[in-house]
């Protein structure tokens, strides 16, 4: 049975996800740093997450063709 919580099923994925998050933040102009980013506004954090989802959807759609 899978555990719930904030962990990665594939631990090696952490570095790739962090790199992806930094790229998305750069694309939307959010100054993201390694580690804690509690100084971000909800709007900034949401724009990073939204950009990540947008890129994941684009990659999925491209893979369907």
PDB file of N, CA and C in Angstrom:
ATOM      1  N   UNK A   1       0.850  -1.182   0.000  1.00  0.00           N
ATOM      2  CA  UNK A   1       0.000   0.000   0.000  1.00  0.00           C
ATOM      3  C   UNK A   1       0.888   1.234   0.000  1.00  0.00           C
ATOM      4  N   UNK A   2       0.561   2.216  -0.807  1.00  0.00           N
ATOM      5  CA  UNK A   2       1.348   3.447  -0.917  1.00  0.00           C
ATOM      6  C   UNK A   2       1.086   4.348   0.289  1.00  0.00           C
ATOM      7  N   UNK A   3       2.126   4.987   0.753  1.00  0.00           N
ATOM      8  CA  UNK A   3       1.989   5.936   1.853  1.00  0.00           C
ATOM      9  C   UNK A   3       1.609   7.294   1.287  1.00  0.00           C
ATOM     10  N   UNK A   4       0.894   8.054   2.066  1.00  0.00           N
ATOM     11  CA  UNK A   4       0.590   9.412   1.636  1.00  0.00           C
ATOM     12  C   UNK A   4       1.568  10.360   2.301  1.00  0.00           C
ATOM     13  N   UNK A   5       1.748  11.512   1.722  1.00  0.00           N
ATOM     14  CA  UNK A   5       2.654  12.491   2.296  1.00  0.00           C
ATOM     15  C   UNK A   5       3.529  13.126   1.243  1.00  0.00           C
ATOM     16  N   UNK A   6       4.460  13.937   1.699  1.00  0.00           N
ATOM     17  CA  UNK A   6       5.331  14.675   0.803  1.00  0.00           C
ATOM     18  C   UNK A   6       6.635  13.906   0.609  1.00  0.00           C
ATOM     19  N   UNK A   7       6.630  12.970  -0.303  1.00  0.00           N
ATOM     20  CA  UNK A   7       7.819  12.209  -0.617  1.00  0.00           C
ATOM     21  C   UNK A   7       7.756  11.812  -2.078  1.00  0.00           C
ATOM     22  N   UNK A   8       8.892  11.408  -2.616  1.00  0.00           N
ATOM     23  CA  UNK A   8       8.939  10.976  -4.009  1.00  0.00           C
ATOM     24  C   UNK A   8       8.960   9.460  -4.068  1.00  0.00           C
ATOM     25  N   UNK A   9       8.146   8.884  -4.923  1.00  0.00           N
ATOM     26  CA  UNK A   9       8.152   7.446  -5.118  1.00  0.00           C
ATOM     27  C   UNK A   9       9.506   7.039  -5.693  1.00  0.00           C
ATOM     28  N   UNK A  10      10.051   7.870  -6.573  1.00  0.00           N
ATOM     29  CA  UNK A  10      11.373   7.642  -7.151  1.00  0.00           C
ATOM     30  C   UNK A  10      12.289   8.747  -6.607  1.00  0.00           C
ATOM     31  N   UNK A  11      13.105   8.436  -5.601  1.00  0.00           N
ATOM     32  CA  UNK A  11      13.932   9.485  -4.976  1.00  0.00           C
ATOM     33  C   UNK A  11      14.820  10.250  -5.954  1.00  0.00           C
ATOM     34  N   UNK A  12      15.263   9.594  -7.020  1.00  0.00           N
ATOM     35  CA  UNK A  12      16.127  10.253  -7.998  1.00  0.00           C
ATOM     36  C   UNK A  12      15.383  11.342  -8.761  1.00  0.00           C
ATOM     37  N   UNK A  13      14.079  11.356  -8.685  1.00  0.00           N
ATOM     38  CA  UNK A  13      13.287  12.342  -9.406  1.00  0.00           C
ATOM     39  C   UNK A  13      13.370  13.723  -8.771  1.00  0.00           C
ATOM     40  N   UNK A  14      13.789  13.822  -7.520  1.00  0.00           N
ATOM     41  CA  UNK A  14      13.822  15.106  -6.810  1.00  0.00           C
ATOM     42  C   UNK A  14      14.649  16.145  -7.573  1.00  0.00           C
ATOM     43  N   UNK A  15      15.843  15.778  -8.025  1.00  0.00           N
ATOM     44  CA  UNK A  15      16.706  16.726  -8.733  1.00  0.00           C
ATOM     45  C   UNK A  15      16.058  17.192 -10.036  1.00  0.00           C
ATOM     46  N   UNK A  16      15.436  16.269 -10.757  1.00  0.00           N
ATOM     47  CA  UNK A  16      14.781  16.637 -12.017  1.00  0.00           C
ATOM     48  C   UNK A  16      13.599  17.560 -11.756  1.00  0.00           C
ATOM     49  N   UNK A  17      12.820  17.297 -10.726  1.00  0.00           N
ATOM     50  CA  UNK A  17      11.684  18.156 -10.394  1.00  0.00           C
ATOM     51  C   UNK A  17      12.144  19.544  -9.956  1.00  0.00           C
ATOM     52  N   UNK A  18      13.210  19.588  -9.172  1.00  0.00           N
ATOM     53  CA  UNK A  18      13.745  20.886  -8.751  1.00  0.00           C
ATOM     54  C   UNK A  18      14.231  21.698  -9.946  1.00  0.00           C
ATOM     55  N   UNK A  19      14.906  21.043 -10.883  1.00  0.00           N
ATOM     56  CA  UNK A  19      15.387  21.726 -12.089  1.00  0.00           C
ATOM     57  C   UNK A  19      14.205  22.230 -12.916  1.00  0.00           C
ATOM     58  N   UNK A  20      13.185  21.401 -13.061  1.00  0.00           N
ATOM     59  CA  UNK A  20      11.980  21.757 -13.794  1.00  0.00           C
ATOM     60  C   UNK A  20      11.300  22.965 -13.148  1.00  0.00           C
ATOM     61  N   UNK A  21      11.231  22.968 -11.822  1.00  0.00           N
ATOM     62  CA  UNK A  21      10.599  24.074 -11.097  1.00  0.00           C
ATOM     63  C   UNK A  21      11.381  25.365 -11.291  1.00  0.00           C
ATOM     64  N   UNK A  22      12.708  25.291 -11.255  1.00  0.00           N
ATOM     65  CA  UNK A  22      13.534  26.485 -11.443  1.00  0.00           C
ATOM     66  C   UNK A  22      13.368  27.039 -12.855  1.00  0.00           C
ATOM     67  N   UNK A  23      13.288  26.160 -13.852  1.00  0.00           N
ATOM     68  CA  UNK A  23      13.085  26.600 -15.236  1.00  0.00           C
ATOM     69  C   UNK A  23      11.731  27.280 -15.389  1.00  0.00           C
ATOM     70  N   UNK A  24      10.698  26.697 -14.795  1.00  0.00           N
ATOM     71  CA  UNK A  24       9.359  27.277 -14.881  1.00  0.00           C
ATOM     72  C   UNK A  24       9.324  28.643 -14.197  1.00  0.00           C
ATOM     73  N   UNK A  25       9.980  28.765 -13.050  1.00  0.00           N
ATOM     74  CA  UNK A  25      10.022  30.039 -12.330  1.00  0.00           C
ATOM     75  C   UNK A  25      10.720  31.098 -13.171  1.00  0.00           C
ATOM     76  N   UNK A  26      11.798  30.715 -13.825  1.00  0.00           N
ATOM     77  CA  UNK A  26      12.524  31.650 -14.675  1.00  0.00           C
ATOM     78  C   UNK A  26      11.657  32.122 -15.836  1.00  0.00           C
ATOM     79  N   UNK A  27      10.881  31.203 -16.414  1.00  0.00           N
ATOM     80  CA  UNK A  27      10.024  31.547 -17.554  1.00  0.00           C
ATOM     81  C   UNK A  27       8.952  32.564 -17.183  1.00  0.00           C
ATOM     82  N   UNK A  28       8.455  32.525 -15.954  1.00  0.00           N
ATOM     83  CA  UNK A  28       7.391  33.453 -15.548  1.00  0.00           C
ATOM     84  C   UNK A  28       7.932  34.629 -14.744  1.00  0.00           C
ATOM     85  N   UNK A  29       9.260  34.708 -14.606  1.00  0.00           N
ATOM     86  CA  UNK A  29       9.883  35.857 -13.953  1.00  0.00           C
ATOM     87  C   UNK A  29       9.816  35.868 -12.437  1.00  0.00           C
ATOM     88  N   UNK A  30       9.757  34.692 -11.828  1.00  0.00           N
ATOM     89  CA  UNK A  30       9.734  34.598 -10.368  1.00  0.00           C
ATOM     90  C   UNK A  30      11.139  34.267  -9.880  1.00  0.00           C
ATOM     91  N   UNK A  31      11.612  35.033  -8.905  1.00  0.00           N
ATOM     92  CA  UNK A  31      12.952  34.821  -8.347  1.00  0.00           C
ATOM     93  C   UNK A  31      12.890  33.704  -7.312  1.00  0.00           C
ATOM     94  N   UNK A  32      13.108  32.486  -7.765  1.00  0.00           N
ATOM     95  CA  UNK A  32      13.048  31.311  -6.907  1.00  0.00           C
ATOM     96  C   UNK A  32      14.468  30.943  -6.514  1.00  0.00           C
ATOM     97  N   UNK A  33      14.661  30.561  -5.261  1.00  0.00           N
ATOM     98  CA  UNK A  33      15.984  30.127  -4.808  1.00  0.00           C
ATOM     99  C   UNK A  33      15.890  28.705  -4.281  1.00  0.00           C
ATOM    100  N   UNK A  34      17.030  28.047  -4.164  1.00  0.00           N
ATOM    101  CA  UNK A  34      17.058  26.699  -3.609  1.00  0.00           C
ATOM    102  C   UNK A  34      16.608  26.750  -2.160  1.00  0.00           C
ATOM    103  N   UNK A  35      15.843  25.749  -1.738  1.00  0.00           N
ATOM    104  CA  UNK A  35      15.396  25.691  -0.358  1.00  0.00           C
ATOM    105  C   UNK A  35      14.075  26.392  -0.146  1.00  0.00           C
ATOM    106  N   UNK A  36      13.929  26.975   1.018  1.00  0.00           N
ATOM    107  CA  UNK A  36      12.670  27.591   1.441  1.00  0.00           C
ATOM    108  C   UNK A  36      12.407  28.891   0.690  1.00  0.00           C
ATOM    109  N   UNK A  37      11.190  29.049   0.204  1.00  0.00           N
ATOM    110  CA  UNK A  37      10.791  30.250  -0.537  1.00  0.00           C
ATOM    111  C   UNK A  37       9.527  30.849   0.063  1.00  0.00           C
ATOM    112  N   UNK A  38       9.498  30.958   1.382  1.00  0.00           N
ATOM    113  CA  UNK A  38       8.326  31.460   2.082  1.00  0.00           C
ATOM    114  C   UNK A  38       8.015  32.916   1.822  1.00  0.00           C
ATOM    115  N   UNK A  39       8.941  33.628   1.194  1.00  0.00           N
ATOM    116  CA  UNK A  39       8.713  35.035   0.889  1.00  0.00           C
ATOM    117  C   UNK A  39       7.906  35.248  -0.391  1.00  0.00           C
ATOM    118  N   UNK A  40       7.605  34.177  -1.119  1.00  0.00           N
ATOM    119  CA  UNK A  40       6.826  34.303  -2.355  1.00  0.00           C
ATOM    120  C   UNK A  40       5.366  34.581  -2.035  1.00  0.00           C
ATOM    121  N   UNK A  41       4.736  35.360  -2.875  1.00  0.00           N
ATOM    122  CA  UNK A  41       3.301  35.570  -2.743  1.00  0.00           C
ATOM    123  C   UNK A  41       2.572  34.352  -3.308  1.00  0.00           C
ATOM    124  N   UNK A  42       1.312  34.221  -2.968  1.00  0.00           N
ATOM    125  CA  UNK A  42       0.506  33.124  -3.514  1.00  0.00           C
ATOM    126  C   UNK A  42       0.441  33.217  -5.031  1.00  0.00           C
ATOM    127  N   UNK A  43       0.373  34.429  -5.534  1.00  0.00           N
ATOM    128  CA  UNK A  43       0.315  34.640  -6.987  1.00  0.00           C
ATOM    129  C   UNK A  43       1.594  34.141  -7.652  1.00  0.00           C
ATOM    130  N   UNK A  44       2.753  34.457  -7.065  1.00  0.00           N
ATOM    131  CA  UNK A  44       4.026  34.006  -7.641  1.00  0.00           C
ATOM    132  C   UNK A  44       4.138  32.489  -7.599  1.00  0.00           C
ATOM    133  N   UNK A  45       3.833  31.903  -6.448  1.00  0.00           N
ATOM    134  CA  UNK A  45       3.924  30.448  -6.314  1.00  0.00           C
ATOM    135  C   UNK A  45       2.955  29.766  -7.283  1.00  0.00           C
ATOM    136  N   UNK A  46       1.762  30.311  -7.404  1.00  0.00           N
ATOM    137  CA  UNK A  46       0.773  29.748  -8.317  1.00  0.00           C
ATOM    138  C   UNK A  46       1.183  29.851  -9.768  1.00  0.00           C
ATOM    139  N   UNK A  47       1.856  30.935 -10.112  1.00  0.00           N
ATOM    140  CA  UNK A  47       2.289  31.086 -11.502  1.00  0.00           C
ATOM    141  C   UNK A  47       3.364  30.065 -11.853  1.00  0.00           C
ATOM    142  N   UNK A  48       4.224  29.728 -10.882  1.00  0.00           N
ATOM    143  CA  UNK A  48       5.245  28.704 -11.121  1.00  0.00           C
ATOM    144  C   UNK A  48       4.568  27.351 -11.319  1.00  0.00           C
ATOM    145  N   UNK A  49       3.658  27.005 -10.415  1.00  0.00           N
ATOM    146  CA  UNK A  49       2.940  25.737 -10.539  1.00  0.00           C
ATOM    147  C   UNK A  49       2.137  25.667 -11.823  1.00  0.00           C
ATOM    148  N   UNK A  50       1.490  26.760 -12.177  1.00  0.00           N
ATOM    149  CA  UNK A  50       0.718  26.793 -13.414  1.00  0.00           C
ATOM    150  C   UNK A  50       1.579  26.597 -14.638  1.00  0.00           C
ATOM    151  N   UNK A  51       2.754  27.197 -14.640  1.00  0.00           N
ATOM    152  CA  UNK A  51       3.675  27.033 -15.772  1.00  0.00           C
ATOM    153  C   UNK A  51       4.151  25.592 -15.869  1.00  0.00           C
ATOM    154  N   UNK A  52       4.392  24.960 -14.717  1.00  0.00           N
ATOM    155  CA  UNK A  52       4.812  23.552 -14.718  1.00  0.00           C
ATOM    156  C   UNK A  52       3.716  22.676 -15.319  1.00  0.00           C
ATOM    157  N   UNK A  53       2.477  22.898 -14.911  1.00  0.00           N
ATOM    158  CA  UNK A  53       1.360  22.110 -15.438  1.00  0.00           C
ATOM    159  C   UNK A  53       1.202  22.350 -16.936  1.00  0.00           C
ATOM    160  N   UNK A  54       1.307  23.598 -17.352  1.00  0.00           N
ATOM    161  CA  UNK A  54       1.188  23.928 -18.775  1.00  0.00           C
ATOM    162  C   UNK A  54       2.225  23.160 -19.595  1.00  0.00           C
ATOM    163  N   UNK A  55       3.473  23.150 -19.126  1.00  0.00           N
ATOM    164  CA  UNK A  55       4.533  22.436 -19.856  1.00  0.00           C
ATOM    165  C   UNK A  55       4.319  20.934 -19.848  1.00  0.00           C
ATOM    166  N   UNK A  56       3.796  20.380 -18.740  1.00  0.00           N
ATOM    167  CA  UNK A  56       3.529  18.940 -18.681  1.00  0.00           C
ATOM    168  C   UNK A  56       2.423  18.559 -19.659  1.00  0.00           C
ATOM    169  N   UNK A  57       1.397  19.380 -19.756  1.00  0.00           N
ATOM    170  CA  UNK A  57       0.304  19.113 -20.697  1.00  0.00           C
ATOM    171  C   UNK A  57       0.821  19.187 -22.124  1.00  0.00           C
ATOM    172  N   UNK A  58       1.637  20.196 -22.419  1.00  0.00           N
ATOM    173  CA  UNK A  58       2.203  20.325 -23.766  1.00  0.00           C
ATOM    174  C   UNK A  58       3.046  19.097 -24.125  1.00  0.00           C
ATOM    175  N   UNK A  59       3.845  18.612 -23.163  1.00  0.00           N
ATOM    176  CA  UNK A  59       4.680  17.440 -23.420  1.00  0.00           C
ATOM    177  C   UNK A  59       3.818  16.197 -23.654  1.00  0.00           C
ATOM    178  N   UNK A  60       2.749  16.072 -22.880  1.00  0.00           N
ATOM    179  CA  UNK A  60       1.847  14.932 -23.048  1.00  0.00           C
ATOM    180  C   UNK A  60       1.181  14.973 -24.417  1.00  0.00           C
ATOM    181  N   UNK A  61       0.669  16.143 -24.792  1.00  0.00           N
ATOM    182  CA  UNK A  61      -0.002  16.276 -26.086  1.00  0.00           C
ATOM    183  C   UNK A  61       0.961  16.021 -27.234  1.00  0.00           C
ATOM    184  N   UNK A  62       2.190  16.475 -27.086  1.00  0.00           N
ATOM    185  CA  UNK A  62       3.195  16.235 -28.128  1.00  0.00           C
ATOM    186  C   UNK A  62       3.468  14.735 -28.251  1.00  0.00           C
ATOM    187  N   UNK A  63       3.476  14.041 -27.128  1.00  0.00           N
ATOM    188  CA  UNK A  63       3.722  12.602 -27.138  1.00  0.00           C
ATOM    189  C   UNK A  63       2.580  11.797 -27.743  1.00  0.00           C
ATOM    190  N   UNK A  64       1.394  12.363 -27.771  1.00  0.00           N
ATOM    191  CA  UNK A  64       0.234  11.676 -28.340  1.00  0.00           C
ATOM    192  C   UNK A  64       0.256  11.685 -29.853  1.00  0.00           C
ATOM    193  N   UNK A  65       0.998  12.584 -30.460  1.00  0.00           N
ATOM    194  CA  UNK A  65       1.004  12.721 -31.921  1.00  0.00           C
ATOM    195  C   UNK A  65       1.875  11.694 -32.576  1.00  0.00           C
TER     196      UNK A  65
END
